[in-house]
Amino acid sequence: MAADGPKPGFLGNINQDQEAKLQKLWSVLLKAAEAPSGDEPSNGSVQEPTSPTQPQRRHSLLGRTQSNVSEKTTASVARSPYQQKVMAYLKEIGIGAHETKMVQKALSEIAPLELRNGVLNLLKHDNPDAMLLRFLRARKWDLPKAFAMMMEAIVWRVKEMHVDDDVMAKGELHALQQERNTANVVDKKAGKDFLAQMRMGKAYVHGTDKLGRPIVVIKVRLHKPGAQSEETLERYIVHVIESVRLTLFPPVETACVVFDMTGFGLSNMEYPPVKFILKCFEANYPESLGVLLIHNAPWVFSGIWRIIRGWMDPDIAAKVNFTNNTNDLAKFIAGDQLVEELGGTEKWKYEYIEPKENENQKMEDTTTRDALTRERQQIGEEFLTSTSEWIEAAKSKDKTKIQAAESQRAYLAERLRVNHWKLDPYTRARLCLDRERVIQEGGQIDFYPKEEEIVETKPVEVKKTSEVEHLESVNGSATRATVA
């Protein structure tokens, strides 16, 4: 099942037409950031309207987290000349009426500063080109549709779900603090319901399949409709997806998701979370699903499946496989890497490790956080400059300049990855995967850590006052070695 190299359309295996689409998508983002895009002289970029105390910006898509721009200014930015220029450029390359409305709506909902930071947060430890290629593949290389999709995904992360500044910044320890907070009944229930799902193992991440993809097991029989609010359930789902994202390491870009339907009955069925998961896979985390295995589904699920199948994007539906026994699962997951409860021989059982009281202590060190953030901004600025030079060199067909720009971009992309993991403990609350030592210091990923490395912790004594704080495959079977 293993491939010899990156699949077509993935980083490291794109043709000339696909590379041209990638460059054009970068051009749109550069225009939105008021950075030289390769379509204009680098000294001729349009500047965003600024307040008297606000410095002008260039190459700013991935930088600048501080701004003096007023709420009044940000609210009117959607009508600014530079954004009109973005729309004009999209019209030139054939944006349709539907995508026009999507982009205009997104620009009206998110300020440029939020958009820039949203892009940087979206990247995390990914290669920037690999991230853009996800959206291009998801929209069949239709540039306007890919850009509109990316805009909507960023708005969802920043304005609707607050993925980075709330869900992942607060994490599991915050939920435990909520659970212990007797002064606020609503908070207490939210924290209790969130952690109940973690503790029961409704979903867990463990091991890799034959293609080296992380395995996510969802035990559907453990879901009880109405047991938690829609908000808490969606928060939990995003928490799981983001946790998996952190384990993706080149050349692997996708995950293997197993819906274990053993013991499923109609009393476990709830449609809204299914729709939310589908939206995540299709729109908010495009090209992140490698395969979806629906395992041991009872006959009663057949009618439900017909409904769900009608909601699915064809590309997602094509990744669905029904498995009924261990032999079926063995086509995707080696027997010694399949846990016993699914019929494999791996003697591993999910046990939730409670948060440690001081595990997020580094998040209080704002001095180091800010220094690393400034470093990330600077690297981002340099990456955008090199991207502009890469686009210009491609237009002039100057092979020497193309190679120089490509080399510099690869170097800066790696620096962004390293910086992400340096910054990570100062901006992200620790996960069960951190406590299990699956995610280790510096972004080292070990899907099979030694048992002695896993530190069991007791529940935290929390104060009453809350202290919130490309490959699609790899050569050969997945091993139990550290991914690094």
Protein backbone atom coordinates (compact mmCIF):
# COMPACT_ATOMS: atom_id res chain seq x y z
CA MET A 1 0.00 0.00 0.00
CA ALA A 2 2.96 2.29 0.43
CA ALA A 3 3.84 4.70 -2.34
CA ASP A 4 7.30 5.54 -3.66
CA GLY A 5 6.88 9.28 -3.35
CA PRO A 6 4.44 12.14 -2.92
CA LYS A 7 1.10 11.70 -4.62
CA PRO A 8 0.37 14.08 -7.52
CA GLY A 9 -0.69 17.48 -6.28
CA PHE A 10 1.16 17.16 -2.98
CA LEU A 11 4.25 19.11 -2.01
CA GLY A 12 7.19 17.64 -3.88
CA ASN A 13 5.08 16.35 -6.77
CA ILE A 14 3.25 19.19 -8.52
CA ASN A 15 3.33 19.85 -12.24
CA GLN A 16 3.92 23.22 -13.91
CA ASP A 17 0.24 24.09 -14.09
CA GLN A 18 -0.27 23.25 -10.42
CA GLU A 19 2.78 25.28 -9.44
CA ALA A 20 1.40 28.22 -11.41
CA LYS A 21 -1.90 27.91 -9.49
CA LEU A 22 0.03 27.82 -6.22
CA GLN A 23 1.89 30.98 -7.18
CA LYS A 24 -1.34 32.73 -8.14
CA LEU A 25 -2.92 31.81 -4.81
CA TRP A 26 0.10 33.29 -3.07
CA SER A 27 -0.32 36.40 -5.24
CA VAL A 28 -3.89 36.87 -3.99
CA LEU A 29 -2.75 36.53 -0.39
CA LEU A 30 0.13 38.92 -0.97
CA LYS A 31 -2.24 41.46 -2.47
CA ALA A 32 -4.55 41.08 0.52
CA ALA A 33 -1.50 41.67 2.71
CA GLU A 34 -0.36 44.64 0.66
CA ALA A 35 2.91 42.92 -0.04
CA PRO A 36 4.61 42.83 -3.48
CA SER A 37 2.92 39.96 -5.27
CA GLY A 38 5.11 39.44 -8.29
CA ASP A 39 2.44 41.08 -10.45
CA GLU A 40 3.71 44.56 -9.64
CA PRO A 41 6.99 46.29 -8.76
CA SER A 42 7.99 45.56 -5.18
CA ASN A 43 8.01 49.29 -4.46
CA GLY A 44 4.52 49.81 -5.77
CA SER A 45 2.39 47.99 -3.25
CA VAL A 46 -0.85 49.60 -2.16
CA GLN A 47 -0.87 50.61 1.48
CA GLU A 48 -3.72 50.04 3.88
CA PRO A 49 -5.30 53.20 5.31
CA THR A 50 -3.52 53.91 8.57
CA SER A 51 -4.22 55.93 11.64
CA PRO A 52 -1.74 58.68 12.53
CA THR A 53 -0.03 56.41 15.06
CA GLN A 54 -0.17 53.24 12.98
CA PRO A 55 2.99 52.36 11.02
CA GLN A 56 2.54 51.44 7.39
CA ARG A 57 2.96 47.75 6.62
CA ARG A 58 4.57 45.76 3.85
CA HIS A 59 4.98 42.00 3.54
CA SER A 60 2.66 41.78 6.51
CA LEU A 61 0.51 38.71 5.92
CA LEU A 62 2.36 36.63 8.49
CA GLY A 63 3.37 39.36 10.88
CA ARG A 64 2.40 42.31 13.02
CA THR A 65 0.28 41.30 15.99
CA GLN A 66 0.19 44.82 17.41
CA SER A 67 -1.81 47.61 15.84
CA ASN A 68 -3.30 50.96 16.76
CA VAL A 69 -6.02 50.68 14.16
CA SER A 70 -9.40 51.63 15.61
CA GLU A 71 -12.57 49.59 15.62
CA LYS A 72 -14.08 52.15 13.26
CA THR A 73 -11.19 51.68 10.84
CA THR A 74 -11.34 47.87 10.93
CA ALA A 75 -15.09 47.90 10.42
CA SER A 76 -14.73 49.89 7.20
CA VAL A 77 -11.70 48.03 5.85
CA ALA A 78 -13.85 45.79 3.65
CA ARG A 79 -14.45 48.84 1.43
CA SER A 80 -10.80 49.94 1.33
CA PRO A 81 -8.99 50.33 -2.01
CA TYR A 82 -6.59 47.49 -1.39
CA GLN A 83 -9.42 45.00 -0.83
CA GLN A 84 -11.18 46.30 -3.91
CA LYS A 85 -7.94 45.51 -5.69
CA VAL A 86 -8.05 41.95 -4.37
CA MET A 87 -11.58 41.52 -5.69
CA ALA A 88 -10.57 43.04 -9.03
CA TYR A 89 -7.71 40.56 -9.32
CA LEU A 90 -10.02 37.65 -8.52
CA LYS A 91 -12.44 38.84 -11.19
CA GLU A 92 -9.58 38.88 -13.68
CA ILE A 93 -8.90 35.22 -13.01
CA GLY A 94 -12.56 34.22 -13.21
CA ILE A 95 -14.12 34.34 -9.76
CA GLY A 96 -17.79 33.38 -9.83
CA ALA A 97 -20.73 35.14 -8.22
CA HIS A 98 -20.97 32.67 -5.34
CA GLU A 99 -17.28 32.92 -4.48
CA THR A 100 -17.44 36.71 -4.80
CA LYS A 101 -20.10 36.81 -2.09
CA MET A 102 -18.07 34.42 0.08
CA VAL A 103 -14.94 36.56 -0.12
CA GLN A 104 -16.80 39.83 0.36
CA LYS A 105 -18.57 38.40 3.39
CA ALA A 106 -15.29 37.16 4.85
CA LEU A 107 -13.59 40.51 4.30
CA SER A 108 -16.45 42.24 6.07
CA GLU A 109 -16.19 39.92 9.08
CA ILE A 110 -12.47 39.90 9.70
CA ALA A 111 -10.03 42.78 9.94
CA PRO A 112 -6.78 42.57 7.96
CA LEU A 113 -4.79 42.23 11.17
CA GLU A 114 -6.92 39.27 12.24
CA LEU A 115 -6.59 37.76 8.77
CA ARG A 116 -2.81 38.01 8.85
CA ASN A 117 -2.58 36.42 12.27
CA GLY A 118 -5.20 33.86 11.27
CA VAL A 119 -3.07 32.70 8.37
CA LEU A 120 -0.02 32.36 10.59
CA ASN A 121 -1.97 30.41 13.21
CA LEU A 122 -3.48 28.23 10.50
CA LEU A 123 0.01 27.23 9.34
CA LYS A 124 1.25 26.08 12.75
CA HIS A 125 4.11 23.67 11.96
CA ASP A 126 3.00 22.95 8.39
CA ASN A 127 4.96 23.95 5.31
CA PRO A 128 3.18 27.08 3.98
CA ASP A 129 3.00 25.69 0.45
CA ALA A 130 1.59 22.39 1.72
CA MET A 131 -1.17 24.30 3.49
CA LEU A 132 -2.16 26.26 0.38
CA LEU A 133 -2.05 23.09 -1.69
CA ARG A 134 -4.66 21.55 0.62
CA PHE A 135 -7.16 24.23 -0.38
CA LEU A 136 -6.25 24.01 -4.07
CA ARG A 137 -6.70 20.23 -4.12
CA ALA A 138 -9.96 20.48 -2.18
CA ARG A 139 -11.34 22.84 -4.84
CA LYS A 140 -9.97 20.93 -7.83
CA TRP A 141 -7.34 23.61 -8.49
CA ASP A 142 -9.95 26.31 -9.01
CA LEU A 143 -8.05 29.34 -7.71
CA PRO A 144 -10.97 31.66 -6.79
CA LYS A 145 -12.79 28.79 -5.06
CA ALA A 146 -9.64 27.81 -3.16
CA PHE A 147 -9.10 31.40 -1.98
CA ALA A 148 -12.74 31.76 -0.93
CA MET A 149 -12.54 28.47 0.95
CA MET A 150 -9.38 29.55 2.75
CA MET A 151 -10.95 32.87 3.73
CA GLU A 152 -14.00 31.12 5.19
CA ALA A 153 -11.81 28.64 7.08
CA ILE A 154 -9.77 31.45 8.64
CA VAL A 155 -12.89 33.43 9.59
CA TRP A 156 -14.31 30.28 11.20
CA ARG A 157 -11.13 29.72 13.22
CA VAL A 158 -10.74 33.34 14.31
CA LYS A 159 -14.27 34.72 14.67
CA GLU A 160 -16.54 31.73 15.22
CA MET A 161 -14.65 28.88 16.88
CA HIS A 162 -11.75 30.82 18.40
CA VAL A 163 -9.56 27.79 17.91
CA ASP A 164 -6.20 29.25 18.87
CA ASP A 165 -7.10 31.89 21.44
CA ASP A 166 -9.69 29.84 23.33
CA VAL A 167 -10.12 26.13 22.56
CA MET A 168 -6.42 25.26 22.40
CA ALA A 169 -5.15 28.09 24.58
CA LYS A 170 -7.32 27.02 27.52
CA GLY A 171 -7.44 23.29 26.95
CA GLU A 172 -8.04 20.48 29.40
CA LEU A 173 -6.71 22.09 32.57
CA HIS A 174 -9.15 24.97 32.11
CA ALA A 175 -11.99 22.45 31.79
CA LEU A 176 -10.88 20.84 35.05
CA GLN A 177 -10.84 24.24 36.72
CA GLN A 178 -14.35 24.86 35.41
CA GLU A 179 -15.48 21.49 36.76
CA ARG A 180 -14.24 22.43 40.22
CA ASN A 181 -15.77 25.92 40.12
CA THR A 182 -18.83 25.68 42.35
CA ALA A 183 -19.50 29.41 42.00
CA ASN A 184 -20.63 29.12 38.38
CA VAL A 185 -23.07 26.34 37.54
CA VAL A 186 -22.84 26.88 33.77
CA ASP A 187 -19.04 26.78 33.76
CA LYS A 188 -19.03 23.76 36.05
CA LYS A 189 -21.28 21.79 33.71
CA ALA A 190 -19.29 22.83 30.62
CA GLY A 191 -16.02 21.68 32.18
CA LYS A 192 -17.52 18.48 33.55
CA ASP A 193 -19.13 17.55 30.23
CA PHE A 194 -15.95 18.27 28.26
CA LEU A 195 -13.79 16.16 30.55
CA ALA A 196 -16.37 13.37 30.71
CA GLN A 197 -15.75 12.78 27.00
CA MET A 198 -11.99 12.84 27.52
CA ARG A 199 -12.17 10.43 30.45
CA MET A 200 -14.45 7.90 28.79
CA GLY A 201 -12.34 7.89 25.62
CA LYS A 202 -15.16 8.77 23.26
CA ALA A 203 -12.37 9.61 20.84
CA TYR A 204 -8.68 8.91 21.20
CA VAL A 205 -5.51 9.12 19.11
CA HIS A 206 -3.17 6.16 19.19
CA GLY A 207 -0.67 4.65 16.80
CA THR A 208 -0.36 4.71 13.04
CA ASP A 209 -1.81 2.80 10.12
CA LYS A 210 0.13 1.11 7.33
CA LEU A 211 0.72 4.46 5.63
CA GLY A 212 2.09 6.10 8.74
CA ARG A 213 -1.07 8.11 9.38
CA PRO A 214 -2.16 8.74 12.97
CA ILE A 215 -5.17 6.64 13.97
CA VAL A 216 -8.20 8.32 15.55
CA VAL A 217 -10.73 5.93 17.07
CA ILE A 218 -14.26 7.21 17.77
CA LYS A 219 -16.36 4.90 19.95
CA VAL A 220 -19.83 5.87 18.80
CA ARG A 221 -21.65 3.81 21.44
CA LEU A 222 -20.31 6.17 24.11
CA HIS A 223 -22.17 9.15 22.69
CA LYS A 224 -25.41 10.05 24.43
CA PRO A 225 -27.48 12.75 22.70
CA GLY A 226 -28.15 15.67 24.99
CA ALA A 227 -25.52 14.64 27.52
CA GLN A 228 -23.60 17.81 26.72
CA SER A 229 -24.44 21.11 25.07
CA GLU A 230 -23.84 21.63 21.36
CA GLU A 231 -21.14 24.18 22.19
CA THR A 232 -19.28 21.76 24.48
CA LEU A 233 -19.53 18.93 21.97
CA GLU A 234 -18.21 21.08 19.13
CA ARG A 235 -15.40 22.32 21.36
CA TYR A 236 -14.47 18.71 22.09
CA ILE A 237 -14.53 17.78 18.40
CA VAL A 238 -12.25 20.68 17.46
CA HIS A 239 -9.97 19.84 20.37
CA VAL A 240 -9.58 16.29 19.02
CA ILE A 241 -8.97 17.43 15.43
CA GLU A 242 -6.40 20.02 16.49
CA SER A 243 -4.69 17.41 18.66
CA VAL A 244 -4.35 15.12 15.64
CA ARG A 245 -3.01 17.99 13.52
CA LEU A 246 -0.15 18.42 15.95
CA THR A 247 0.96 14.83 15.28
CA LEU A 248 1.09 15.22 11.50
CA PHE A 249 4.70 15.35 10.42
CA PRO A 250 6.07 15.32 6.85
CA PRO A 251 5.68 13.29 4.80
CA VAL A 252 2.31 12.39 6.39
CA GLU A 253 -0.48 14.94 5.86
CA THR A 254 -3.66 13.05 6.74
CA ALA A 255 -5.22 10.86 9.42
CA CYS A 256 -6.91 7.46 9.56
CA VAL A 257 -10.27 7.80 11.33
CA VAL A 258 -12.04 4.70 12.68
CA PHE A 259 -15.69 5.01 13.66
CA ASP A 260 -16.11 1.98 15.91
CA MET A 261 -19.82 1.16 15.63
CA THR A 262 -19.67 -1.83 17.98
CA GLY A 263 -22.68 -1.69 20.29
CA PHE A 264 -24.24 1.22 18.39
CA GLY A 265 -27.98 1.75 18.67
CA LEU A 266 -30.48 4.40 17.67
CA SER A 267 -30.14 5.90 21.15
CA ASN A 268 -26.57 6.90 20.23
CA MET A 269 -27.52 8.74 17.05
CA GLU A 270 -27.42 12.52 16.88
CA TYR A 271 -27.26 14.30 13.51
CA PRO A 272 -25.93 17.82 14.38
CA PRO A 273 -22.47 16.63 15.52
CA VAL A 274 -22.23 14.47 12.40
CA LYS A 275 -22.89 17.54 10.26
CA PHE A 276 -20.31 19.49 12.25
CA ILE A 277 -17.66 16.80 11.76
CA LEU A 278 -18.37 16.69 8.03
CA LYS A 279 -18.05 20.46 7.79
CA CYS A 280 -14.72 20.28 9.58
CA PHE A 281 -13.37 17.66 7.18
CA GLU A 282 -14.77 19.31 4.07
CA ALA A 283 -14.26 23.03 4.71
CA ASN A 284 -12.30 23.89 7.83
CA TYR A 285 -9.63 21.18 7.68
CA PRO A 286 -9.50 20.32 3.97
CA GLU A 287 -7.48 17.34 2.82
CA SER A 288 -6.80 16.23 6.39
CA LEU A 289 -8.76 12.98 6.18
CA GLY A 290 -6.87 10.10 4.61
CA VAL A 291 -9.37 7.30 5.14
CA LEU A 292 -12.56 6.88 7.17
CA LEU A 293 -13.29 3.35 8.36
CA ILE A 294 -16.83 2.62 9.56
CA HIS A 295 -16.26 -0.53 11.57
CA ASN A 296 -18.74 -3.19 12.62
CA ALA A 297 -21.84 -1.16 11.77
CA PRO A 298 -25.13 -2.88 12.71
CA TRP A 299 -27.97 -3.22 10.22
CA VAL A 300 -29.86 -0.36 11.86
CA PHE A 301 -27.14 2.01 10.64
CA SER A 302 -27.94 1.38 6.96
CA GLY A 303 -30.85 3.81 6.89
CA ILE A 304 -28.86 6.41 8.81
CA TRP A 305 -25.97 6.00 6.38
CA ARG A 306 -28.17 6.79 3.40
CA ILE A 307 -29.00 10.14 5.00
CA ILE A 308 -25.40 10.94 5.97
CA ARG A 309 -24.10 9.86 2.56
CA GLY A 310 -26.30 12.49 0.96
CA TRP A 311 -24.62 15.22 3.01
CA MET A 312 -21.10 14.20 2.09
CA ASP A 313 -18.81 15.87 -0.38
CA PRO A 314 -17.96 13.26 -3.06
CA ASP A 315 -14.26 13.41 -2.17
CA ILE A 316 -15.01 12.63 1.48
CA ALA A 317 -17.42 9.85 0.53
CA ALA A 318 -14.71 8.28 -1.65
CA LYS A 319 -12.52 7.89 1.44
CA VAL A 320 -15.13 5.88 3.36
CA ASN A 321 -14.63 2.14 3.77
CA PHE A 322 -16.86 -0.25 5.70
CA THR A 323 -15.04 -2.90 7.73
CA ASN A 324 -16.72 -5.80 9.49
CA ASN A 325 -13.88 -7.76 11.05
CA THR A 326 -10.18 -7.78 11.87
CA ASN A 327 -9.22 -8.94 8.39
CA ASP A 328 -10.97 -5.92 6.89
CA LEU A 329 -9.16 -3.57 9.27
CA ALA A 330 -5.86 -5.32 8.55
CA LYS A 331 -5.97 -3.92 5.02
CA PHE A 332 -5.34 -0.52 6.58
CA ILE A 333 -3.80 -1.18 10.01
CA ALA A 334 -1.18 -3.83 10.83
CA GLY A 335 -2.37 -6.36 13.39
CA ASP A 336 0.36 -5.53 15.90
CA GLN A 337 -0.61 -1.86 15.69
CA LEU A 338 -4.32 -2.53 16.07
CA VAL A 339 -5.54 -2.43 19.66
CA GLU A 340 -7.09 -5.54 21.15
CA GLU A 341 -10.57 -4.04 21.47
CA LEU A 342 -10.63 -3.79 17.66
CA GLY A 343 -9.35 -7.34 17.20
CA GLY A 344 -5.64 -6.61 16.99
CA THR A 345 -2.76 -7.84 19.11
CA GLU A 346 -1.52 -4.56 20.56
CA LYS A 347 -1.98 -4.62 24.31
CA TRP A 348 -2.86 -0.96 24.77
CA LYS A 349 -5.90 0.51 26.42
CA TYR A 350 -6.93 4.13 26.58
CA GLU A 351 -6.64 5.71 30.01
CA TYR A 352 -7.02 9.44 30.41
CA ILE A 353 -4.14 11.13 32.23
CA GLU A 354 -5.45 14.05 34.27
CA PRO A 355 -3.91 17.52 33.77
CA LYS A 356 -1.05 18.57 36.02
CA GLU A 357 -1.42 21.70 38.10
CA ASN A 358 1.60 23.47 36.64
CA GLU A 359 1.64 22.02 33.15
CA ASN A 360 0.77 25.35 31.51
CA GLN A 361 3.18 27.39 33.59
CA LYS A 362 5.16 28.57 30.57
CA MET A 363 2.05 30.34 29.28
CA GLU A 364 2.52 32.84 32.10
CA ASP A 365 5.93 33.83 30.70
CA THR A 366 4.70 36.56 28.37
CA THR A 367 8.20 37.97 27.87
CA THR A 368 9.47 34.81 26.19
CA ARG A 369 6.18 34.38 24.34
CA ASP A 370 6.38 37.88 22.89
CA ALA A 371 10.03 37.46 21.88
CA LEU A 372 9.28 34.21 20.05
CA THR A 373 6.21 35.79 18.46
CA ARG A 374 8.33 38.66 17.13
CA GLU A 375 10.79 36.11 15.78
CA ARG A 376 7.96 34.29 14.02
CA GLN A 377 6.69 37.54 12.55
CA GLN A 378 10.12 38.36 11.17
CA ILE A 379 10.52 34.93 9.61
CA GLY A 380 7.07 35.32 8.09
CA GLU A 381 8.01 38.69 6.61
CA GLU A 382 11.12 37.16 5.05
CA PHE A 383 9.14 34.21 3.71
CA LEU A 384 6.69 36.53 1.96
CA THR A 385 9.51 38.54 0.44
CA SER A 386 11.07 35.35 -0.90
CA THR A 387 7.68 34.22 -2.18
CA SER A 388 7.29 37.47 -4.10
CA GLU A 389 10.78 37.02 -5.55
CA TRP A 390 9.93 33.42 -6.47
CA ILE A 391 6.82 34.55 -8.37
CA GLU A 392 8.73 37.31 -10.17
CA ALA A 393 11.54 34.91 -11.10
CA ALA A 394 9.03 32.40 -12.47
CA LYS A 395 7.48 35.09 -14.66
CA SER A 396 10.87 36.06 -16.05
CA LYS A 397 11.88 32.38 -16.33
CA ASP A 398 15.19 33.14 -14.66
CA LYS A 399 16.30 29.69 -13.50
CA THR A 400 19.07 31.01 -11.28
CA LYS A 401 16.72 33.34 -9.43
CA ILE A 402 14.03 30.65 -9.25
CA GLN A 403 16.44 28.21 -7.61
CA ALA A 404 17.70 30.86 -5.20
CA ALA A 405 14.14 31.83 -4.19
CA GLU A 406 13.08 28.20 -3.80
CA SER A 407 16.09 27.46 -1.61
CA GLN A 408 15.44 30.50 0.57
CA ARG A 409 11.73 29.67 0.90
CA ALA A 410 12.53 26.09 1.96
CA TYR A 411 14.99 27.40 4.56
CA LEU A 412 12.46 29.90 5.93
CA ALA A 413 9.64 27.33 5.95
CA GLU A 414 11.80 25.12 8.16
CA ARG A 415 12.56 28.06 10.44
CA LEU A 416 8.81 28.67 10.76
CA ARG A 417 8.33 25.03 11.76
CA VAL A 418 11.09 25.16 14.37
CA ASN A 419 9.76 28.47 15.70
CA HIS A 420 6.26 27.02 16.03
CA TRP A 421 7.45 24.33 18.41
CA LYS A 422 9.56 26.80 20.38
CA LEU A 423 6.51 29.05 20.76
CA ASP A 424 4.02 26.22 21.31
CA PRO A 425 4.36 25.77 25.12
CA TYR A 426 3.83 29.50 25.60
CA THR A 427 0.58 29.65 23.62
CA ARG A 428 -1.06 26.19 23.79
CA ALA A 429 -2.37 24.38 26.85
CA ARG A 430 -1.01 20.86 27.29
CA LEU A 431 -3.00 17.89 26.02
CA CYS A 432 -3.36 14.29 27.06
CA LEU A 433 -1.04 13.55 24.11
CA ASP A 434 1.61 15.70 25.77
CA ARG A 435 1.20 13.81 29.04
CA GLU A 436 1.36 10.50 27.19
CA ARG A 437 4.65 11.68 25.65
CA VAL A 438 3.30 11.24 22.14
CA ILE A 439 3.97 14.95 21.58
CA GLN A 440 7.42 15.72 22.95
CA GLU A 441 9.63 18.76 23.28
CA GLY A 442 10.54 20.47 20.03
CA GLY A 443 7.78 18.76 18.07
CA GLN A 444 9.18 15.25 18.34
CA ILE A 445 6.32 12.80 17.74
CA ASP A 446 6.45 9.27 19.14
CA PHE A 447 3.23 7.35 18.55
CA TYR A 448 4.47 4.47 20.70
CA PRO A 449 6.28 5.98 23.71
CA LYS A 450 7.75 3.61 26.26
CA GLU A 451 5.53 3.04 29.27
CA GLU A 452 8.15 4.31 31.70
CA GLU A 453 8.11 7.66 29.90
CA ILE A 454 4.41 8.18 30.62
CA VAL A 455 3.90 9.93 33.92
CA GLU A 456 0.59 9.20 35.61
CA THR A 457 -0.77 12.22 37.44
CA LYS A 458 -3.40 12.70 40.08
CA PRO A 459 -6.34 15.07 39.58
CA VAL A 460 -5.43 18.67 40.23
CA GLU A 461 -6.53 20.50 43.32
CA VAL A 462 -7.96 23.60 41.70
CA LYS A 463 -8.76 26.89 43.38
CA LYS A 464 -12.37 28.00 43.30
CA THR A 465 -11.43 31.07 41.31
CA SER A 466 -10.65 30.05 37.77
CA GLU A 467 -7.03 30.75 36.77
CA VAL A 468 -7.46 30.85 33.03
CA GLU A 469 -4.88 31.05 32.07
CA HIS A 470 3.36 15.11 1.70
CA LEU A 471 3.36 12.60 1.10
CA GLU A 472 0.22 10.63 1.76
CA SER A 473 2.26 7.54 2.52
CA VAL A 474 5.68 6.41 3.69
CA ASN A 475 7.91 3.70 2.39
CA GLY A 476 7.05 0.46 4.11
CA SER A 477 4.93 -0.16 7.15
CA ALA A 478 4.75 2.36 9.96
CA THR A 479 7.29 1.68 12.66
CA ARG A 480 7.33 2.30 16.34
CA ALA A 481 10.18 4.72 16.00
CA THR A 482 10.03 8.38 16.89
CA VAL A 483 8.90 10.57 14.01
CA ALA A 484 11.34 13.46 13.73
